[in-house]
Amino acid sequence: MEGGQKRKTRGNLQQNLKMDDKPSNENEDASNEASNLAGHIVMEAIQANIISEIQGIRSDMKKELGETVGLLKKELVDFRLEVNQKLNSIASDLKEVTGRVEETERRVAEMEEWSTEAKQVLSHVLELQENTQAQLTELEARSRRNNIRIHGIAEGAEGDNMEEFLEKFITTELSPLNTTLGLQRCHRSLGPKPPQGSNPRSIVVCFQEYKTKELVLRSAWKKKEIHHGGKRVFFEQDYPPEILRKRKAFSTIRKALKEKGLRFQTLHPAKLRVFFDDGPAIYNNASEAREDLRKRGMDSLDVEVPERGTLATRMKQLSWEIAGGTSRRHREARLMHIQEKLKGFRHRSDTTQELPNVTD
């Protein structure tokens, strides 16, 4: 009985405890719902605040981006205008430069054409001048055909009368001549009197007859050695300076030929004849002689500097020429053109010289 009573009492206590636990659970649920609601409200408030801030930031960024885009657009427009202006300026400068280049090319072409024609005219004039100079040299040489030059007679040895001194000296040293000398003129070569101890000036002697002059000259060469006052005297032809220069160019060659034991002869007016074992050879100038003698084994002549060509030849070498050469008809036409140019130049020169007289 006691055990049953105890179990009953225990069951009542558990039932009472259960009755007491039910209200507490309901309070907890209510509080949980309230806290959840409050948290939800707070979250919504935070969310709304965040959204508002994001919208504000978005608005500010949109505003700043709009301002930046507007500024960039303005700068781009300004930059485009500036670039266009510079491009227009560059295009204008380029056009001006292009015009100048075209003008320069045109002037250069004209200058080249003028230079070519001027060189052709100058070459033709130089050829005429060389031909004229050759003719003048020939005339001068002919005018000296009756002259001889005597080298080695001391200054003052002739005294006051050169003609008497020479007649006595020639007839004494070259006797017998069996003819009268017939001296026309005789004098020392033009120029200042040399100082004491220097080589005396040569004596120029002009004979009235060419035969007498040749007789005297050949007699002197035949005697070989003639002396006066203890010094050797030389007789030679009286050549113009141009021929003397050409003959002097053979001096080194003549020296080399003497060393080789080869016989040679200087021909009139300025040629060299060399007698080889296979026959004689005649050279018209020193360059031709040097070239041939080098081929024959005379290498000592290599030290010589070759003669330069004439000015007309060098002008032709420097001038432009048409590729493939020119025909005879073209050369004749060009020669006529050059002559017309020269006539025009002569006409302008005459007009220019007459202008001062007109103004006076």
Protein backbone atom coordinates (compact mmCIF):
# COMPACT_ATOMS: atom_id res chain seq x y z
CA MET A 1 0.00 0.00 0.00
CA GLU A 2 2.80 2.29 0.82
CA GLY A 3 4.50 1.51 -2.45
CA GLY A 4 1.37 2.29 -4.37
CA GLN A 5 0.85 5.51 -2.48
CA LYS A 6 4.40 6.54 -3.25
CA ARG A 7 3.93 5.85 -6.93
CA LYS A 8 0.78 7.91 -6.98
CA THR A 9 2.40 10.76 -5.18
CA ARG A 10 5.33 10.63 -7.63
CA GLY A 11 2.94 10.70 -10.56
CA ASN A 12 1.14 13.72 -9.16
CA LEU A 13 4.43 15.52 -8.71
CA GLN A 14 5.46 14.83 -12.29
CA GLN A 15 2.09 16.01 -13.53
CA ASN A 16 2.39 19.17 -11.48
CA LEU A 17 5.89 19.72 -12.89
CA LYS A 18 4.57 19.33 -16.37
CA MET A 19 1.85 21.82 -15.68
CA ASP A 20 4.43 24.22 -14.33
CA ASP A 21 6.76 23.81 -17.46
CA LYS A 22 4.14 24.64 -20.08
CA PRO A 23 3.86 28.41 -19.34
CA SER A 24 7.64 28.83 -19.29
CA ASN A 25 7.97 27.33 -22.73
CA GLU A 26 5.37 29.68 -24.07
CA ASN A 27 7.22 32.66 -22.62
CA GLU A 28 10.42 31.54 -24.21
CA ASP A 29 8.76 31.19 -27.58
CA ALA A 30 7.24 34.65 -27.29
CA SER A 31 10.53 36.18 -26.35
CA ASN A 32 12.23 34.39 -29.19
CA GLU A 33 9.67 35.66 -31.64
CA ALA A 34 10.05 39.18 -30.29
CA SER A 35 13.80 39.04 -30.56
CA ASN A 36 13.55 37.62 -34.05
CA LEU A 37 11.16 40.36 -35.04
CA ALA A 38 13.39 43.00 -33.56
CA GLY A 39 16.38 41.52 -35.36
CA HIS A 40 14.45 41.44 -38.56
CA ILE A 41 13.46 45.05 -38.12
CA VAL A 42 17.06 45.98 -37.37
CA MET A 43 18.27 44.07 -40.41
CA GLU A 44 15.72 45.80 -42.56
CA ALA A 45 16.79 49.13 -41.16
CA ILE A 46 20.45 48.29 -41.81
CA GLN A 47 19.60 47.03 -45.24
CA ALA A 48 17.64 50.17 -45.99
CA ASN A 49 20.51 52.28 -44.68
CA ILE A 50 23.00 50.35 -46.81
CA ILE A 51 20.78 50.67 -49.85
CA SER A 52 20.43 54.37 -49.19
CA GLU A 53 24.16 54.77 -48.82
CA ILE A 54 24.77 52.72 -51.96
CA GLN A 55 22.26 54.85 -53.83
CA GLY A 56 23.99 57.97 -52.55
CA ILE A 57 27.37 56.63 -53.55
CA ARG A 58 25.91 55.62 -56.91
CA SER A 59 24.47 59.06 -57.36
CA ASP A 60 27.76 60.68 -56.38
CA MET A 61 29.72 58.37 -58.66
CA LYS A 62 27.27 58.98 -61.48
CA LYS A 63 27.62 62.69 -60.94
CA GLU A 64 31.42 62.50 -60.80
CA LEU A 65 31.53 60.21 -63.81
CA GLY A 66 29.29 62.61 -65.69
CA GLU A 67 31.57 65.50 -64.81
CA THR A 68 34.67 63.43 -65.72
CA VAL A 69 33.14 62.30 -68.99
CA GLY A 70 32.18 65.86 -69.79
CA LEU A 71 35.69 67.05 -68.99
CA LEU A 72 37.18 64.25 -71.06
CA LYS A 73 34.89 65.08 -73.94
CA LYS A 74 35.88 68.72 -73.72
CA GLU A 75 39.56 67.83 -73.56
CA LEU A 76 39.14 65.44 -76.47
CA VAL A 77 37.41 68.15 -78.49
CA ASP A 78 40.16 70.63 -77.62
CA PHE A 79 42.81 68.02 -78.42
CA ARG A 80 41.12 67.22 -81.70
CA LEU A 81 40.97 70.88 -82.61
CA GLU A 82 44.62 71.32 -81.67
CA VAL A 83 45.63 68.23 -83.64
CA ASN A 84 43.62 69.40 -86.63
CA GLN A 85 45.27 72.80 -86.45
CA LYS A 86 48.72 71.23 -86.26
CA LEU A 87 47.89 68.83 -89.08
CA ASN A 88 46.68 71.73 -91.18
CA SER A 89 49.87 73.61 -90.35
CA ILE A 90 51.99 70.56 -91.20
CA ALA A 91 50.04 70.05 -94.41
CA SER A 92 50.59 73.71 -95.30
CA ASP A 93 54.30 73.49 -94.49
CA LEU A 94 54.58 70.22 -96.40
CA LYS A 95 52.89 71.78 -99.39
CA GLU A 96 55.27 74.74 -99.18
CA VAL A 97 58.26 72.42 -98.84
CA THR A 98 57.00 70.33 -101.75
CA GLY A 99 56.74 73.47 -103.83
CA ARG A 100 60.25 74.50 -102.85
CA VAL A 101 61.62 71.04 -103.61
CA GLU A 102 59.95 71.09 -107.03
CA GLU A 103 61.34 74.57 -107.65
CA THR A 104 64.77 73.40 -106.50
CA GLU A 105 64.61 70.35 -108.76
CA ARG A 106 63.60 72.54 -111.66
CA ARG A 107 66.46 74.96 -110.99
CA VAL A 108 68.91 72.10 -110.53
CA ALA A 109 67.77 70.59 -113.83
CA GLU A 110 68.21 73.97 -115.52
CA MET A 111 71.61 74.37 -113.88
CA GLU A 112 72.69 70.89 -114.99
CA GLU A 113 71.55 71.62 -118.52
CA TRP A 114 73.30 74.99 -118.44
CA SER A 115 76.42 73.43 -116.92
CA THR A 116 76.51 70.76 -119.62
CA GLU A 117 76.14 73.34 -122.36
CA ALA A 118 78.66 75.64 -120.66
CA LYS A 119 81.19 72.82 -120.43
CA GLN A 120 80.62 71.96 -124.07
CA VAL A 121 81.08 75.59 -125.06
CA LEU A 122 84.14 75.90 -122.82
CA SER A 123 85.62 72.70 -124.23
CA HIS A 124 85.09 73.99 -127.76
CA VAL A 125 86.62 77.35 -126.83
CA LEU A 126 89.59 75.61 -125.24
CA GLU A 127 90.08 73.52 -128.37
CA LEU A 128 90.01 76.70 -130.44
CA GLN A 129 92.44 78.31 -128.00
CA GLU A 130 94.79 75.32 -128.15
CA ASN A 131 94.68 75.34 -131.94
CA THR A 132 95.31 79.08 -131.93
CA GLN A 133 98.13 78.65 -129.41
CA ALA A 134 99.67 75.91 -131.55
CA GLN A 135 99.49 78.18 -134.59
CA LEU A 136 101.03 81.08 -132.64
CA THR A 137 103.79 78.79 -131.37
CA GLU A 138 104.43 77.64 -134.93
CA LEU A 139 104.56 81.26 -136.13
CA GLU A 140 106.90 82.19 -133.29
CA ALA A 141 109.12 79.20 -134.06
CA ARG A 142 109.25 80.22 -137.72
CA SER A 143 110.13 83.78 -136.75
CA ARG A 144 113.06 82.36 -134.73
CA ARG A 145 114.34 80.06 -137.48
CA ASN A 146 117.27 82.40 -138.21
CA ASN A 147 118.20 82.64 -134.50
CA ILE A 148 120.61 80.72 -132.34
CA ARG A 149 121.35 80.93 -128.62
CA ILE A 150 124.85 80.88 -127.16
CA HIS A 151 125.22 79.82 -123.53
CA GLY A 152 128.24 80.14 -121.25
CA ILE A 153 129.78 83.49 -122.22
CA ALA A 154 130.36 85.55 -119.09
CA GLU A 155 128.46 88.77 -118.50
CA GLY A 156 130.35 91.79 -119.83
CA ALA A 157 132.73 89.75 -121.99
CA GLU A 158 131.19 91.31 -125.10
CA GLY A 159 132.25 94.81 -124.06
CA ASP A 160 130.41 97.72 -125.69
CA ASN A 161 129.82 96.11 -129.09
CA MET A 162 128.09 92.72 -129.09
CA GLU A 163 128.12 92.35 -132.88
CA GLU A 164 131.88 92.81 -133.26
CA PHE A 165 132.53 90.47 -130.33
CA LEU A 166 130.38 87.69 -131.79
CA GLU A 167 131.79 88.00 -135.31
CA LYS A 168 135.31 87.72 -133.94
CA PHE A 169 134.40 84.88 -131.55
CA ILE A 170 132.49 82.81 -134.13
CA THR A 171 134.98 83.23 -136.96
CA THR A 172 137.83 82.39 -134.58
CA GLU A 173 136.31 79.32 -132.96
CA LEU A 174 134.45 77.93 -135.99
CA SER A 175 136.91 78.77 -138.79
CA PRO A 176 136.98 78.27 -141.62
CA LEU A 177 133.36 79.20 -142.44
CA ASN A 178 134.15 80.63 -145.88
CA THR A 179 131.18 83.02 -145.66
CA THR A 180 130.19 86.30 -144.10
CA LEU A 181 128.06 85.95 -140.99
CA GLY A 182 125.60 88.70 -141.86
CA LEU A 183 124.42 89.30 -138.27
CA GLN A 184 121.11 91.15 -138.17
CA ARG A 185 120.63 91.44 -134.40
CA CYS A 186 122.39 90.12 -131.30
CA HIS A 187 121.78 90.77 -127.64
CA ARG A 188 121.56 89.15 -124.24
CA SER A 189 118.29 87.41 -123.37
CA LEU A 190 115.76 89.72 -121.79
CA GLY A 191 115.77 89.81 -118.03
CA PRO A 192 117.67 91.38 -115.15
CA LYS A 193 121.42 90.96 -114.98
CA PRO A 194 122.28 88.01 -112.71
CA PRO A 195 124.40 88.54 -109.59
CA GLN A 196 128.12 87.86 -109.55
CA GLY A 197 128.89 84.14 -109.65
CA SER A 198 125.55 83.11 -111.19
CA ASN A 199 125.06 81.61 -114.62
CA PRO A 200 125.24 84.31 -117.31
CA ARG A 201 122.34 85.12 -119.56
CA SER A 202 122.31 83.52 -122.98
CA ILE A 203 123.05 85.51 -126.13
CA VAL A 204 120.45 85.58 -128.92
CA VAL A 205 121.93 85.93 -132.40
CA CYS A 206 119.77 86.58 -135.49
CA PHE A 207 121.30 85.93 -138.91
CA GLN A 208 120.10 87.47 -142.10
CA GLU A 209 120.13 84.12 -143.89
CA TYR A 210 118.93 80.76 -142.67
CA LYS A 211 121.75 78.91 -144.45
CA THR A 212 124.37 80.89 -142.55
CA LYS A 213 122.69 80.16 -139.27
CA GLU A 214 122.58 76.41 -140.06
CA LEU A 215 126.23 76.46 -141.10
CA VAL A 216 127.29 78.11 -137.84
CA LEU A 217 125.16 75.77 -135.74
CA ARG A 218 126.36 72.58 -137.47
CA SER A 219 129.98 73.73 -137.26
CA ALA A 220 129.59 74.28 -133.52
CA TRP A 221 127.98 70.87 -133.04
CA LYS A 222 130.70 69.27 -135.14
CA LYS A 223 133.45 70.82 -133.02
CA LYS A 224 131.59 69.65 -129.89
CA GLU A 225 133.66 71.58 -127.32
CA ILE A 226 134.05 75.35 -127.53
CA HIS A 227 135.46 77.42 -124.67
CA HIS A 228 135.62 81.08 -123.76
CA GLY A 229 137.26 82.46 -120.65
CA GLY A 230 137.93 78.96 -119.38
CA LYS A 231 134.28 77.92 -119.55
CA ARG A 232 132.50 75.75 -122.06
CA VAL A 233 130.16 77.47 -124.54
CA PHE A 234 127.08 75.81 -126.05
CA PHE A 235 125.27 76.62 -129.30
CA GLU A 236 121.62 75.64 -129.80
CA GLN A 237 118.44 76.52 -131.66
CA ASP A 238 116.31 79.40 -130.42
CA TYR A 239 112.94 77.82 -129.56
CA PRO A 240 109.76 79.39 -128.20
CA PRO A 241 109.06 78.77 -124.47
CA GLU A 242 106.33 76.20 -125.22
CA ILE A 243 108.67 74.07 -127.33
CA LEU A 244 111.45 74.44 -124.75
CA ARG A 245 109.08 73.11 -122.08
CA LYS A 246 108.24 70.07 -124.21
CA ARG A 247 111.89 69.42 -125.02
CA LYS A 248 112.84 69.78 -121.37
CA ALA A 249 110.36 67.03 -120.48
CA PHE A 250 112.70 64.58 -122.26
CA SER A 251 115.66 65.46 -120.00
CA THR A 252 115.21 62.57 -117.55
CA ILE A 253 114.59 60.16 -120.41
CA ARG A 254 117.73 61.28 -122.23
CA LYS A 255 119.72 60.77 -119.02
CA ALA A 256 118.35 57.25 -118.62
CA LEU A 257 119.12 56.46 -122.27
CA LYS A 258 122.71 57.62 -121.79
CA GLU A 259 123.05 55.32 -118.76
CA LYS A 260 121.73 52.43 -120.87
CA GLY A 261 124.11 53.28 -123.71
CA LEU A 262 121.29 53.81 -126.19
CA ARG A 263 121.71 56.31 -129.02
CA PHE A 264 119.00 58.96 -129.34
CA GLN A 265 118.26 62.17 -131.17
CA THR A 266 116.03 65.14 -130.32
CA LEU A 267 114.06 66.08 -133.41
CA HIS A 268 112.47 69.39 -134.31
CA PRO A 269 110.47 70.79 -132.69
CA ALA A 270 109.96 68.50 -129.65
CA LYS A 271 110.28 64.83 -130.56
CA LEU A 272 112.65 62.10 -129.48
CA ARG A 273 114.11 59.40 -131.72
CA VAL A 274 115.65 56.40 -130.00
CA PHE A 275 117.70 53.83 -131.92
CA PHE A 276 116.93 50.31 -130.64
CA ASP A 277 118.33 47.03 -131.91
CA ASP A 278 115.04 46.29 -133.68
CA GLY A 279 114.91 49.73 -135.30
CA PRO A 280 114.37 53.39 -134.38
CA ALA A 281 111.28 54.66 -132.53
CA ILE A 282 109.99 58.23 -132.58
CA TYR A 283 108.06 59.64 -129.61
CA ASN A 284 105.91 62.75 -129.90
CA ASN A 285 105.95 63.59 -126.18
CA ALA A 286 107.60 62.53 -122.93
CA SER A 287 104.59 60.56 -121.68
CA GLU A 288 104.56 58.42 -124.80
CA ALA A 289 108.31 57.82 -124.51
CA ARG A 290 108.11 56.87 -120.82
CA GLU A 291 105.28 54.43 -121.42
CA ASP A 292 107.08 52.62 -124.24
CA LEU A 293 110.45 52.57 -122.44
CA ARG A 294 108.83 51.04 -119.35
CA LYS A 295 107.47 48.27 -121.54
CA ARG A 296 110.99 47.75 -122.83
CA GLY A 297 112.31 47.16 -119.29
CA MET A 298 113.47 50.62 -118.21
CA ASP A 299 111.74 50.54 -114.81
CA SER A 300 113.79 53.44 -113.48
CA LEU A 301 111.38 55.76 -115.29
CA ASP A 302 108.52 54.73 -112.99
CA VAL A 303 109.49 57.46 -110.59
CA GLU A 304 108.51 60.06 -113.14
CA VAL A 305 105.13 61.74 -112.80
CA PRO A 306 103.20 61.45 -116.09
CA GLU A 307 102.26 64.64 -117.85
CA ARG A 308 98.77 65.93 -117.36
CA GLY A 309 96.53 66.25 -120.36
CA THR A 310 95.55 69.55 -121.85
CA LEU A 311 92.86 71.64 -120.23
CA ALA A 312 90.41 70.84 -123.02
CA THR A 313 91.03 67.10 -122.54
CA ARG A 314 90.45 67.37 -118.79
CA MET A 315 87.27 69.35 -119.39
CA LYS A 316 85.98 66.59 -121.65
CA GLN A 317 86.76 64.01 -118.99
CA LEU A 318 84.80 66.00 -116.40
CA SER A 319 81.86 66.73 -118.69
CA TRP A 320 78.70 64.66 -119.02
CA GLU A 321 78.38 62.67 -122.20
CA ILE A 322 75.46 60.87 -123.78
CA ALA A 323 75.61 57.11 -123.25
CA GLY A 324 76.39 55.17 -126.40
CA GLY A 325 78.13 58.07 -128.12
CA THR A 326 76.68 60.53 -130.60
CA SER A 327 76.21 60.41 -134.34
CA ARG A 328 78.03 62.65 -136.74
CA ARG A 329 74.84 64.58 -137.48
CA HIS A 330 74.28 65.13 -133.77
CA ARG A 331 77.87 66.33 -133.27
CA GLU A 332 77.52 68.76 -136.16
CA ALA A 333 74.23 70.05 -134.75
CA ARG A 334 75.82 70.46 -131.32
CA LEU A 335 78.76 72.30 -132.87
CA MET A 336 76.35 74.67 -134.63
CA HIS A 337 74.53 75.17 -131.32
CA ILE A 338 77.81 75.98 -129.56
CA GLN A 339 78.76 78.46 -132.26
CA GLU A 340 75.39 80.17 -131.93
CA LYS A 341 75.93 80.36 -128.17
CA LEU A 342 79.33 81.94 -128.71
CA LYS A 343 77.88 84.44 -131.18
CA GLY A 344 75.18 85.35 -128.69
CA PHE A 345 77.75 85.75 -125.93
CA ARG A 346 79.93 87.90 -128.17
CA HIS A 347 76.90 90.02 -129.09
CA ARG A 348 75.97 90.54 -125.43
CA SER A 349 79.57 91.41 -124.57
CA ASP A 350 79.72 93.99 -127.37
CA THR A 351 76.42 95.48 -126.22
CA THR A 352 77.63 95.67 -122.62
CA GLN A 353 80.79 97.43 -123.68
CA GLU A 354 78.81 99.94 -125.74
CA LEU A 355 76.42 100.82 -122.92
CA PRO A 356 78.70 103.35 -121.15
CA ASN A 357 79.17 105.23 -124.41
CA VAL A 358 75.38 105.38 -124.85
CA THR A 359 74.82 106.79 -121.37
CA ASP A 360 77.57 109.35 -121.88
